[in-house]
Amino acid sequence: MSITYTWTIERLDTAPSVGELADVVTCVHWRLAGEEGEHRAEIYGAADMADPIPEAFSDYDTLTKAQVLDWLADAMDMAAAEATIADLIADQQAPAVVPRAVPWE
């Protein structure tokens, strides 16, 4: 079985204006969930965005999830985030420490 990853964009922070551009995304808040069978893990983070290129600028109202995920891939190591999820799930599948009640009660 393999882990199914789900990227979610939680929120976009914007600057009202940068030069002639309006509503410029400055930070992407994201959540990554992973699921394998009955095991699930989730992490949350935020990534600062590079300054926009005016010729490639998209109006805020026209942004798509795919476009913002592409920006996120440029701004952070998405594979490392997925590796973190994989480690968390592996820890659930084979925990190094198991809490147990005391045997005398």
PDB file of N, CA and C in Angstrom:
ATOM      1  N   MET A   1       0.842  -1.171   0.000  1.00  0.00           N
ATOM      2  CA  MET A   1       0.000   0.000   0.000  1.00  0.00           C
ATOM      3  C   MET A   1       0.894   1.242   0.000  1.00  0.00           C
ATOM      4  N   SER A   2       0.451   2.301  -0.607  1.00  0.00           N
ATOM      5  CA  SER A   2       1.245   3.529  -0.622  1.00  0.00           C
ATOM      6  C   SER A   2       0.446   4.675  -0.006  1.00  0.00           C
ATOM      7  N   ILE A   3       1.162   5.689   0.383  1.00  0.00           N
ATOM      8  CA  ILE A   3       0.541   6.839   1.036  1.00  0.00           C
ATOM      9  C   ILE A   3      -0.133   7.721  -0.016  1.00  0.00           C
ATOM     10  N   THR A   4      -1.348   8.140   0.288  1.00  0.00           N
ATOM     11  CA  THR A   4      -2.054   9.112  -0.532  1.00  0.00           C
ATOM     12  C   THR A   4      -1.879  10.480   0.124  1.00  0.00           C
ATOM     13  N   TYR A   5      -1.317  11.420  -0.629  1.00  0.00           N
ATOM     14  CA  TYR A   5      -1.063  12.773  -0.114  1.00  0.00           C
ATOM     15  C   TYR A   5      -2.122  13.733  -0.639  1.00  0.00           C
ATOM     16  N   THR A   6      -2.566  14.633   0.240  1.00  0.00           N
ATOM     17  CA  THR A   6      -3.532  15.656  -0.147  1.00  0.00           C
ATOM     18  C   THR A   6      -3.014  17.017   0.311  1.00  0.00           C
ATOM     19  N   TRP A   7      -2.733  17.878  -0.667  1.00  0.00           N
ATOM     20  CA  TRP A   7      -2.302  19.246  -0.378  1.00  0.00           C
ATOM     21  C   TRP A   7      -3.524  20.153  -0.369  1.00  0.00           C
ATOM     22  N   THR A   8      -3.630  20.988   0.662  1.00  0.00           N
ATOM     23  CA  THR A   8      -4.726  21.948   0.776  1.00  0.00           C
ATOM     24  C   THR A   8      -4.129  23.335   0.978  1.00  0.00           C
ATOM     25  N   ILE A   9      -4.659  24.298   0.275  1.00  0.00           N
ATOM     26  CA  ILE A   9      -4.274  25.696   0.503  1.00  0.00           C
ATOM     27  C   ILE A   9      -5.284  26.263   1.494  1.00  0.00           C
ATOM     28  N   GLU A  10      -4.799  26.633   2.670  1.00  0.00           N
ATOM     29  CA  GLU A  10      -5.678  27.114   3.736  1.00  0.00           C
ATOM     30  C   GLU A  10      -5.997  28.604   3.597  1.00  0.00           C
ATOM     31  N   ARG A  11      -4.980  29.376   3.236  1.00  0.00           N
ATOM     32  CA  ARG A  11      -5.162  30.835   3.192  1.00  0.00           C
ATOM     33  C   ARG A  11      -4.045  31.441   2.367  1.00  0.00           C
ATOM     34  N   LEU A  12      -4.330  32.574   1.759  1.00  0.00           N
ATOM     35  CA  LEU A  12      -3.329  33.357   1.038  1.00  0.00           C
ATOM     36  C   LEU A  12      -3.240  34.732   1.681  1.00  0.00           C
ATOM     37  N   ASP A  13      -2.033  35.124   2.073  1.00  0.00           N
ATOM     38  CA  ASP A  13      -1.822  36.486   2.555  1.00  0.00           C
ATOM     39  C   ASP A  13      -1.451  37.339   1.350  1.00  0.00           C
ATOM     40  N   THR A  14      -1.996  38.545   1.283  1.00  0.00           N
ATOM     41  CA  THR A  14      -1.715  39.420   0.145  1.00  0.00           C
ATOM     42  C   THR A  14      -1.284  40.805   0.606  1.00  0.00           C
ATOM     43  N   ALA A  15      -0.494  41.434  -0.238  1.00  0.00           N
ATOM     44  CA  ALA A  15      -0.169  42.849  -0.075  1.00  0.00           C
ATOM     45  C   ALA A  15      -1.168  43.612  -0.940  1.00  0.00           C
ATOM     46  N   PRO A  16      -1.765  44.671  -0.420  1.00  0.00           N
ATOM     47  CA  PRO A  16      -2.744  45.417  -1.214  1.00  0.00           C
ATOM     48  C   PRO A  16      -2.178  45.897  -2.551  1.00  0.00           C
ATOM     49  N   SER A  17      -0.894  46.267  -2.543  1.00  0.00           N
ATOM     50  CA  SER A  17      -0.271  46.667  -3.805  1.00  0.00           C
ATOM     51  C   SER A  17       1.241  46.508  -3.710  1.00  0.00           C
ATOM     52  N   VAL A  18       1.809  46.148  -4.847  1.00  0.00           N
ATOM     53  CA  VAL A  18       3.264  46.088  -5.021  1.00  0.00           C
ATOM     54  C   VAL A  18       3.512  46.743  -6.366  1.00  0.00           C
ATOM     55  N   GLY A  19       4.053  47.962  -6.304  1.00  0.00           N
ATOM     56  CA  GLY A  19       4.195  48.734  -7.547  1.00  0.00           C
ATOM     57  C   GLY A  19       2.828  48.964  -8.157  1.00  0.00           C
ATOM     58  N   GLU A  20       2.668  48.582  -9.399  1.00  0.00           N
ATOM     59  CA  GLU A  20       1.397  48.745 -10.118  1.00  0.00           C
ATOM     60  C   GLU A  20       0.454  47.552  -9.915  1.00  0.00           C
ATOM     61  N   LEU A  21       0.895  46.521  -9.231  1.00  0.00           N
ATOM     62  CA  LEU A  21       0.107  45.298  -9.072  1.00  0.00           C
ATOM     63  C   LEU A  21      -0.732  45.344  -7.801  1.00  0.00           C
ATOM     64  N   ALA A  22      -1.932  44.774  -7.859  1.00  0.00           N
ATOM     65  CA  ALA A  22      -2.841  44.773  -6.709  1.00  0.00           C
ATOM     66  C   ALA A  22      -3.072  43.351  -6.204  1.00  0.00           C
ATOM     67  N   ASP A  23      -3.306  43.245  -4.902  1.00  0.00           N
ATOM     68  CA  ASP A  23      -3.603  41.960  -4.256  1.00  0.00           C
ATOM     69  C   ASP A  23      -2.554  40.909  -4.600  1.00  0.00           C
ATOM     70  N   VAL A  24      -1.325  41.203  -4.247  1.00  0.00           N
ATOM     71  CA  VAL A  24      -0.185  40.340  -4.554  1.00  0.00           C
ATOM     72  C   VAL A  24      -0.010  39.314  -3.437  1.00  0.00           C
ATOM     73  N   VAL A  25      -0.008  38.043  -3.790  1.00  0.00           N
ATOM     74  CA  VAL A  25       0.162  36.976  -2.802  1.00  0.00           C
ATOM     75  C   VAL A  25       1.593  37.020  -2.264  1.00  0.00           C
ATOM     76  N   THR A  26       1.692  37.133  -0.944  1.00  0.00           N
ATOM     77  CA  THR A  26       3.002  37.206  -0.293  1.00  0.00           C
ATOM     78  C   THR A  26       3.321  35.954   0.515  1.00  0.00           C
ATOM     79  N   CYS A  27       2.284  35.210   0.906  1.00  0.00           N
ATOM     80  CA  CYS A  27       2.493  34.016   1.711  1.00  0.00           C
ATOM     81  C   CYS A  27       1.353  33.029   1.461  1.00  0.00           C
ATOM     82  N   VAL A  28       1.719  31.759   1.338  1.00  0.00           N
ATOM     83  CA  VAL A  28       0.739  30.693   1.152  1.00  0.00           C
ATOM     84  C   VAL A  28       0.744  29.820   2.404  1.00  0.00           C
ATOM     85  N   HIS A  29      -0.412  29.684   3.024  1.00  0.00           N
ATOM     86  CA  HIS A  29      -0.581  28.803   4.180  1.00  0.00           C
ATOM     87  C   HIS A  29      -1.138  27.484   3.663  1.00  0.00           C
ATOM     88  N   TRP A  30      -0.454  26.393   3.972  1.00  0.00           N
ATOM     89  CA  TRP A  30      -0.805  25.106   3.395  1.00  0.00           C
ATOM     90  C   TRP A  30      -0.949  24.035   4.468  1.00  0.00           C
ATOM     91  N   ARG A  31      -1.633  22.974   4.088  1.00  0.00           N
ATOM     92  CA  ARG A  31      -1.782  21.789   4.942  1.00  0.00           C
ATOM     93  C   ARG A  31      -1.540  20.570   4.055  1.00  0.00           C
ATOM     94  N   LEU A  32      -0.797  19.620   4.586  1.00  0.00           N
ATOM     95  CA  LEU A  32      -0.540  18.377   3.878  1.00  0.00           C
ATOM     96  C   LEU A  32      -1.008  17.218   4.745  1.00  0.00           C
ATOM     97  N   ALA A  33      -1.885  16.394   4.179  1.00  0.00           N
ATOM     98  CA  ALA A  33      -2.363  15.197   4.864  1.00  0.00           C
ATOM     99  C   ALA A  33      -1.888  13.985   4.083  1.00  0.00           C
ATOM    100  N   GLY A  34      -1.610  12.925   4.811  1.00  0.00           N
ATOM    101  CA  GLY A  34      -1.235  11.667   4.193  1.00  0.00           C
ATOM    102  C   GLY A  34      -2.025  10.548   4.833  1.00  0.00           C
ATOM    103  N   GLU A  35      -2.388   9.581   4.018  1.00  0.00           N
ATOM    104  CA  GLU A  35      -3.183   8.467   4.525  1.00  0.00           C
ATOM    105  C   GLU A  35      -2.706   7.169   3.882  1.00  0.00           C
ATOM    106  N   GLU A  36      -2.536   6.173   4.734  1.00  0.00           N
ATOM    107  CA  GLU A  36      -2.194   4.837   4.254  1.00  0.00           C
ATOM    108  C   GLU A  36      -2.968   3.847   5.120  1.00  0.00           C
ATOM    109  N   GLY A  37      -3.982   3.239   4.532  1.00  0.00           N
ATOM    110  CA  GLY A  37      -4.833   2.336   5.305  1.00  0.00           C
ATOM    111  C   GLY A  37      -5.502   3.097   6.428  1.00  0.00           C
ATOM    112  N   GLU A  38      -5.353   2.601   7.645  1.00  0.00           N
ATOM    113  CA  GLU A  38      -5.985   3.233   8.807  1.00  0.00           C
ATOM    114  C   GLU A  38      -5.115   4.321   9.437  1.00  0.00           C
ATOM    115  N   HIS A  39      -3.946   4.552   8.895  1.00  0.00           N
ATOM    116  CA  HIS A  39      -3.006   5.526   9.463  1.00  0.00           C
ATOM    117  C   HIS A  39      -3.086   6.852   8.708  1.00  0.00           C
ATOM    118  N   ARG A  40      -3.054   7.940   9.483  1.00  0.00           N
ATOM    119  CA  ARG A  40      -3.184   9.276   8.909  1.00  0.00           C
ATOM    120  C   ARG A  40      -2.280  10.233   9.670  1.00  0.00           C
ATOM    121  N   ALA A  41      -1.691  11.163   8.930  1.00  0.00           N
ATOM    122  CA  ALA A  41      -0.867  12.210   9.541  1.00  0.00           C
ATOM    123  C   ALA A  41      -1.099  13.504   8.781  1.00  0.00           C
ATOM    124  N   GLU A  42      -0.847  14.622   9.473  1.00  0.00           N
ATOM    125  CA  GLU A  42      -1.092  15.923   8.856  1.00  0.00           C
ATOM    126  C   GLU A  42      -0.102  16.928   9.411  1.00  0.00           C
ATOM    127  N   ILE A  43       0.378  17.805   8.553  1.00  0.00           N
ATOM    128  CA  ILE A  43       1.238  18.915   8.974  1.00  0.00           C
ATOM    129  C   ILE A  43       0.716  20.196   8.334  1.00  0.00           C
ATOM    130  N   TYR A  44       1.112  21.319   8.918  1.00  0.00           N
ATOM    131  CA  TYR A  44       0.679  22.632   8.459  1.00  0.00           C
ATOM    132  C   TYR A  44       1.906  23.516   8.347  1.00  0.00           C
ATOM    133  N   GLY A  45       1.899  24.414   7.379  1.00  0.00           N
ATOM    134  CA  GLY A  45       3.012  25.344   7.244  1.00  0.00           C
ATOM    135  C   GLY A  45       2.640  26.553   6.423  1.00  0.00           C
ATOM    136  N   ALA A  46       3.592  27.423   6.263  1.00  0.00           N
ATOM    137  CA  ALA A  46       3.408  28.629   5.461  1.00  0.00           C
ATOM    138  C   ALA A  46       4.698  28.874   4.689  1.00  0.00           C
ATOM    139  N   ALA A  47       4.547  29.366   3.480  1.00  0.00           N
ATOM    140  CA  ALA A  47       5.707  29.648   2.640  1.00  0.00           C
ATOM    141  C   ALA A  47       5.600  31.056   2.071  1.00  0.00           C
ATOM    142  N   ASP A  48       6.656  31.824   2.257  1.00  0.00           N
ATOM    143  CA  ASP A  48       6.711  33.164   1.672  1.00  0.00           C
ATOM    144  C   ASP A  48       6.913  33.042   0.165  1.00  0.00           C
ATOM    145  N   MET A  49       6.270  33.916  -0.563  1.00  0.00           N
ATOM    146  CA  MET A  49       6.364  33.907  -2.020  1.00  0.00           C
ATOM    147  C   MET A  49       7.388  34.927  -2.499  1.00  0.00           C
ATOM    148  N   ALA A  50       7.994  34.615  -3.621  1.00  0.00           N
ATOM    149  CA  ALA A  50       8.943  35.542  -4.248  1.00  0.00           C
ATOM    150  C   ALA A  50       8.176  36.751  -4.789  1.00  0.00           C
ATOM    151  N   ASP A  51       8.903  37.823  -5.014  1.00  0.00           N
ATOM    152  CA  ASP A  51       8.279  39.004  -5.618  1.00  0.00           C
ATOM    153  C   ASP A  51       7.714  38.643  -6.986  1.00  0.00           C
ATOM    154  N   PRO A  52       6.562  39.207  -7.310  1.00  0.00           N
ATOM    155  CA  PRO A  52       5.924  38.857  -8.583  1.00  0.00           C
ATOM    156  C   PRO A  52       6.680  39.425  -9.784  1.00  0.00           C
ATOM    157  N   ILE A  53       6.550  38.726 -10.894  1.00  0.00           N
ATOM    158  CA  ILE A  53       7.065  39.214 -12.172  1.00  0.00           C
ATOM    159  C   ILE A  53       5.879  39.863 -12.885  1.00  0.00           C
ATOM    160  N   PRO A  54       5.927  41.169 -13.096  1.00  0.00           N
ATOM    161  CA  PRO A  54       4.749  41.850 -13.655  1.00  0.00           C
ATOM    162  C   PRO A  54       4.214  41.221 -14.940  1.00  0.00           C
ATOM    163  N   GLU A  55       5.088  40.757 -15.816  1.00  0.00           N
ATOM    164  CA  GLU A  55       4.644  40.189 -17.088  1.00  0.00           C
ATOM    165  C   GLU A  55       3.907  38.855 -16.901  1.00  0.00           C
ATOM    166  N   ALA A  56       4.149  38.168 -15.783  1.00  0.00           N
ATOM    167  CA  ALA A  56       3.534  36.861 -15.541  1.00  0.00           C
ATOM    168  C   ALA A  56       2.478  36.928 -14.432  1.00  0.00           C
ATOM    169  N   PHE A  57       2.123  38.131 -14.022  1.00  0.00           N
ATOM    170  CA  PHE A  57       1.205  38.312 -12.894  1.00  0.00           C
ATOM    171  C   PHE A  57      -0.214  37.902 -13.264  1.00  0.00           C
ATOM    172  N   SER A  58      -0.861  37.215 -12.323  1.00  0.00           N
ATOM    173  CA  SER A  58      -2.272  36.844 -12.483  1.00  0.00           C
ATOM    174  C   SER A  58      -3.094  37.593 -11.441  1.00  0.00           C
ATOM    175  N   ASP A  59      -4.229  38.111 -11.842  1.00  0.00           N
ATOM    176  CA  ASP A  59      -5.127  38.777 -10.899  1.00  0.00           C
ATOM    177  C   ASP A  59      -5.571  37.771  -9.845  1.00  0.00           C
ATOM    178  N   TYR A  60      -5.742  38.249  -8.631  1.00  0.00           N
ATOM    179  CA  TYR A  60      -6.092  37.375  -7.520  1.00  0.00           C
ATOM    180  C   TYR A  60      -7.329  36.532  -7.825  1.00  0.00           C
ATOM    181  N   ASP A  61      -8.347  37.139  -8.387  1.00  0.00           N
ATOM    182  CA  ASP A  61      -9.606  36.439  -8.651  1.00  0.00           C
ATOM    183  C   ASP A  61      -9.488  35.337  -9.701  1.00  0.00           C
ATOM    184  N   THR A  62      -8.388  35.308 -10.434  1.00  0.00           N
ATOM    185  CA  THR A  62      -8.228  34.282 -11.470  1.00  0.00           C
ATOM    186  C   THR A  62      -7.298  33.144 -11.044  1.00  0.00           C
ATOM    187  N   LEU A  63      -6.753  33.213  -9.828  1.00  0.00           N
ATOM    188  CA  LEU A  63      -5.825  32.179  -9.365  1.00  0.00           C
ATOM    189  C   LEU A  63      -6.524  30.835  -9.244  1.00  0.00           C
ATOM    190  N   THR A  64      -5.769  29.767  -9.501  1.00  0.00           N
ATOM    191  CA  THR A  64      -6.282  28.411  -9.335  1.00  0.00           C
ATOM    192  C   THR A  64      -5.430  27.685  -8.301  1.00  0.00           C
ATOM    193  N   LYS A  65      -5.977  26.617  -7.765  1.00  0.00           N
ATOM    194  CA  LYS A  65      -5.225  25.808  -6.807  1.00  0.00           C
ATOM    195  C   LYS A  65      -3.955  25.271  -7.459  1.00  0.00           C
ATOM    196  N   ALA A  66      -4.065  24.808  -8.694  1.00  0.00           N
ATOM    197  CA  ALA A  66      -2.903  24.265  -9.391  1.00  0.00           C
ATOM    198  C   ALA A  66      -1.798  25.311  -9.525  1.00  0.00           C
ATOM    199  N   GLN A  67      -2.168  26.530  -9.839  1.00  0.00           N
ATOM    200  CA  GLN A  67      -1.193  27.606  -9.981  1.00  0.00           C
ATOM    201  C   GLN A  67      -0.497  27.880  -8.647  1.00  0.00           C
ATOM    202  N   VAL A  68      -1.275  27.955  -7.578  1.00  0.00           N
ATOM    203  CA  VAL A  68      -0.692  28.243  -6.268  1.00  0.00           C
ATOM    204  C   VAL A  68       0.184  27.068  -5.805  1.00  0.00           C
ATOM    205  N   LEU A  69      -0.213  25.845  -6.105  1.00  0.00           N
ATOM    206  CA  LEU A  69       0.638  24.695  -5.775  1.00  0.00           C
ATOM    207  C   LEU A  69       1.960  24.741  -6.544  1.00  0.00           C
ATOM    208  N   ASP A  70       1.928  25.229  -7.787  1.00  0.00           N
ATOM    209  CA  ASP A  70       3.179  25.414  -8.541  1.00  0.00           C
ATOM    210  C   ASP A  70       4.077  26.436  -7.850  1.00  0.00           C
ATOM    211  N   TRP A  71       3.491  27.526  -7.376  1.00  0.00           N
ATOM    212  CA  TRP A  71       4.267  28.526  -6.647  1.00  0.00           C
ATOM    213  C   TRP A  71       4.860  27.904  -5.387  1.00  0.00           C
ATOM    214  N   LEU A  72       4.049  27.099  -4.700  1.00  0.00           N
ATOM    215  CA  LEU A  72       4.501  26.456  -3.480  1.00  0.00           C
ATOM    216  C   LEU A  72       5.688  25.543  -3.762  1.00  0.00           C
ATOM    217  N   ALA A  73       5.639  24.817  -4.865  1.00  0.00           N
ATOM    218  CA  ALA A  73       6.743  23.929  -5.252  1.00  0.00           C
ATOM    219  C   ALA A  73       8.021  24.717  -5.497  1.00  0.00           C
ATOM    220  N   ASP A  74       7.893  25.935  -5.994  1.00  0.00           N
ATOM    221  CA  ASP A  74       9.064  26.788  -6.206  1.00  0.00           C
ATOM    222  C   ASP A  74       9.594  27.367  -4.895  1.00  0.00           C
ATOM    223  N   ALA A  75       8.715  27.520  -3.903  1.00  0.00           N
ATOM    224  CA  ALA A  75       9.073  28.215  -2.663  1.00  0.00           C
ATOM    225  C   ALA A  75       9.551  27.283  -1.556  1.00  0.00           C
ATOM    226  N   MET A  76       9.223  25.985  -1.661  1.00  0.00           N
ATOM    227  CA  MET A  76       9.575  25.078  -0.569  1.00  0.00           C
ATOM    228  C   MET A  76       9.894  23.684  -1.116  1.00  0.00           C
ATOM    229  N   ASP A  77      10.391  22.849  -0.252  1.00  0.00           N
ATOM    230  CA  ASP A  77      10.707  21.468  -0.618  1.00  0.00           C
ATOM    231  C   ASP A  77       9.490  20.598  -0.286  1.00  0.00           C
ATOM    232  N   MET A  78       8.600  20.443  -1.255  1.00  0.00           N
ATOM    233  CA  MET A  78       7.378  19.671  -1.039  1.00  0.00           C
ATOM    234  C   MET A  78       7.698  18.195  -0.798  1.00  0.00           C
ATOM    235  N   ALA A  79       8.741  17.680  -1.403  1.00  0.00           N
ATOM    236  CA  ALA A  79       9.133  16.283  -1.187  1.00  0.00           C
ATOM    237  C   ALA A  79       9.548  16.058   0.265  1.00  0.00           C
ATOM    238  N   ALA A  80      10.196  17.039   0.863  1.00  0.00           N
ATOM    239  CA  ALA A  80      10.587  16.914   2.270  1.00  0.00           C
ATOM    240  C   ALA A  80       9.357  16.895   3.167  1.00  0.00           C
ATOM    241  N   ALA A  81       8.340  17.693   2.821  1.00  0.00           N
ATOM    242  CA  ALA A  81       7.094  17.684   3.593  1.00  0.00           C
ATOM    243  C   ALA A  81       6.421  16.321   3.478  1.00  0.00           C
ATOM    244  N   GLU A  82       6.407  15.754   2.280  1.00  0.00           N
ATOM    245  CA  GLU A  82       5.818  14.428   2.100  1.00  0.00           C
ATOM    246  C   GLU A  82       6.626  13.369   2.848  1.00  0.00           C
ATOM    247  N   ALA A  83       7.939  13.525   2.909  1.00  0.00           N
ATOM    248  CA  ALA A  83       8.782  12.596   3.669  1.00  0.00           C
ATOM    249  C   ALA A  83       8.462  12.678   5.163  1.00  0.00           C
ATOM    250  N   THR A  84       8.161  13.867   5.647  1.00  0.00           N
ATOM    251  CA  THR A  84       7.765  14.032   7.050  1.00  0.00           C
ATOM    252  C   THR A  84       6.488  13.259   7.323  1.00  0.00           C
ATOM    253  N   ILE A  85       5.519  13.375   6.424  1.00  0.00           N
ATOM    254  CA  ILE A  85       4.267  12.629   6.575  1.00  0.00           C
ATOM    255  C   ILE A  85       4.559  11.128   6.571  1.00  0.00           C
ATOM    256  N   ALA A  86       5.399  10.673   5.655  1.00  0.00           N
ATOM    257  CA  ALA A  86       5.742   9.251   5.581  1.00  0.00           C
ATOM    258  C   ALA A  86       6.366   8.777   6.892  1.00  0.00           C
ATOM    259  N   ASP A  87       7.242   9.589   7.477  1.00  0.00           N
ATOM    260  CA  ASP A  87       7.859   9.230   8.753  1.00  0.00           C
ATOM    261  C   ASP A  87       6.825   9.145   9.870  1.00  0.00           C
ATOM    262  N   LEU A  88       5.887  10.097   9.895  1.00  0.00           N
ATOM    263  CA  LEU A  88       4.844  10.087  10.921  1.00  0.00           C
ATOM    264  C   LEU A  88       3.963   8.841  10.801  1.00  0.00           C
ATOM    265  N   ILE A  89       3.648   8.474   9.583  1.00  0.00           N
ATOM    266  CA  ILE A  89       2.828   7.276   9.368  1.00  0.00           C
ATOM    267  C   ILE A  89       3.617   6.022   9.730  1.00  0.00           C
ATOM    268  N   ALA A  90       4.889   5.978   9.369  1.00  0.00           N
ATOM    269  CA  ALA A  90       5.732   4.823   9.729  1.00  0.00           C
ATOM    270  C   ALA A  90       5.807   4.672  11.246  1.00  0.00           C
ATOM    271  N   ASP A  91       5.876   5.789  11.971  1.00  0.00           N
ATOM    272  CA  ASP A  91       5.902   5.735  13.438  1.00  0.00           C
ATOM    273  C   ASP A  91       4.593   5.173  13.996  1.00  0.00           C
ATOM    274  N   GLN A  92       3.491   5.459  13.331  1.00  0.00           N
ATOM    275  CA  GLN A  92       2.210   4.898  13.776  1.00  0.00           C
ATOM    276  C   GLN A  92       2.152   3.394  13.512  1.00  0.00           C
ATOM    277  N   GLN A  93       2.714   2.983  12.391  1.00  0.00           N
ATOM    278  CA  GLN A  93       2.674   1.570  12.008  1.00  0.00           C
ATOM    279  C   GLN A  93       3.591   0.706  12.870  1.00  0.00           C
ATOM    280  N   ALA A  94       4.714   1.258  13.268  1.00  0.00           N
ATOM    281  CA  ALA A  94       5.682   0.522  14.098  1.00  0.00           C
ATOM    282  C   ALA A  94       6.252   1.482  15.139  1.00  0.00           C
ATOM    283  N   PRO A  95       5.464   1.773  16.173  1.00  0.00           N
ATOM    284  CA  PRO A  95       5.913   2.756  17.160  1.00  0.00           C
ATOM    285  C   PRO A  95       7.155   2.292  17.925  1.00  0.00           C
ATOM    286  N   ALA A  96       8.052   3.230  18.181  1.00  0.00           N
ATOM    287  CA  ALA A  96       9.268   2.933  18.935  1.00  0.00           C
ATOM    288  C   ALA A  96       8.949   2.807  20.424  1.00  0.00           C
ATOM    289  N   VAL A  97       7.914   3.501  20.879  1.00  0.00           N
ATOM    290  CA  VAL A  97       7.509   3.482  22.284  1.00  0.00           C
ATOM    291  C   VAL A  97       5.993   3.312  22.325  1.00  0.00           C
ATOM    292  N   VAL A  98       5.545   2.408  23.182  1.00  0.00           N
ATOM    293  CA  VAL A  98       4.113   2.167  23.336  1.00  0.00           C
ATOM    294  C   VAL A  98       3.731   2.461  24.785  1.00  0.00           C
ATOM    295  N   PRO A  99       2.871   3.457  25.025  1.00  0.00           N
ATOM    296  CA  PRO A  99       2.456   3.733  26.403  1.00  0.00           C
ATOM    297  C   PRO A  99       1.551   2.601  26.902  1.00  0.00           C
ATOM    298  N   ARG A 100       1.780   2.188  28.154  1.00  0.00           N
ATOM    299  CA  ARG A 100       0.987   1.115  28.738  1.00  0.00           C
ATOM    300  C   ARG A 100       0.637   1.457  30.167  1.00  0.00           C
ATOM    301  N   ALA A 101      -0.488   0.951  30.589  1.00  0.00           N
ATOM    302  CA  ALA A 101      -0.897   1.127  31.984  1.00  0.00           C
ATOM    303  C   ALA A 101      -0.002   0.249  32.867  1.00  0.00           C
ATOM    304  N   VAL A 102       0.118   0.659  34.109  1.00  0.00           N
ATOM    305  CA  VAL A 102       0.898  -0.147  35.042  1.00  0.00           C
ATOM    306  C   VAL A 102       0.190  -1.480  35.261  1.00  0.00           C
ATOM    307  N   PRO A 103       0.923  -2.561  35.469  1.00  0.00           N
ATOM    308  CA  PRO A 103       0.311  -3.878  35.537  1.00  0.00           C
ATOM    309  C   PRO A 103      -0.395  -4.187  36.863  1.00  0.00           C
ATOM    310  N   TRP A 104      -0.240  -3.381  37.869  1.00  0.00           N
ATOM    311  CA  TRP A 104      -0.807  -3.700  39.189  1.00  0.00           C
ATOM    312  C   TRP A 104      -2.144  -3.052  39.458  1.00  0.00           C
ATOM    313  N   GLU A 105      -2.746  -2.392  38.518  1.00  0.00           N
ATOM    314  CA  GLU A 105      -4.063  -1.794  38.755  1.00  0.00           C
ATOM    315  C   GLU A 105      -5.091  -2.359  37.843  1.00  0.00           C
TER     316      GLU A 105
END
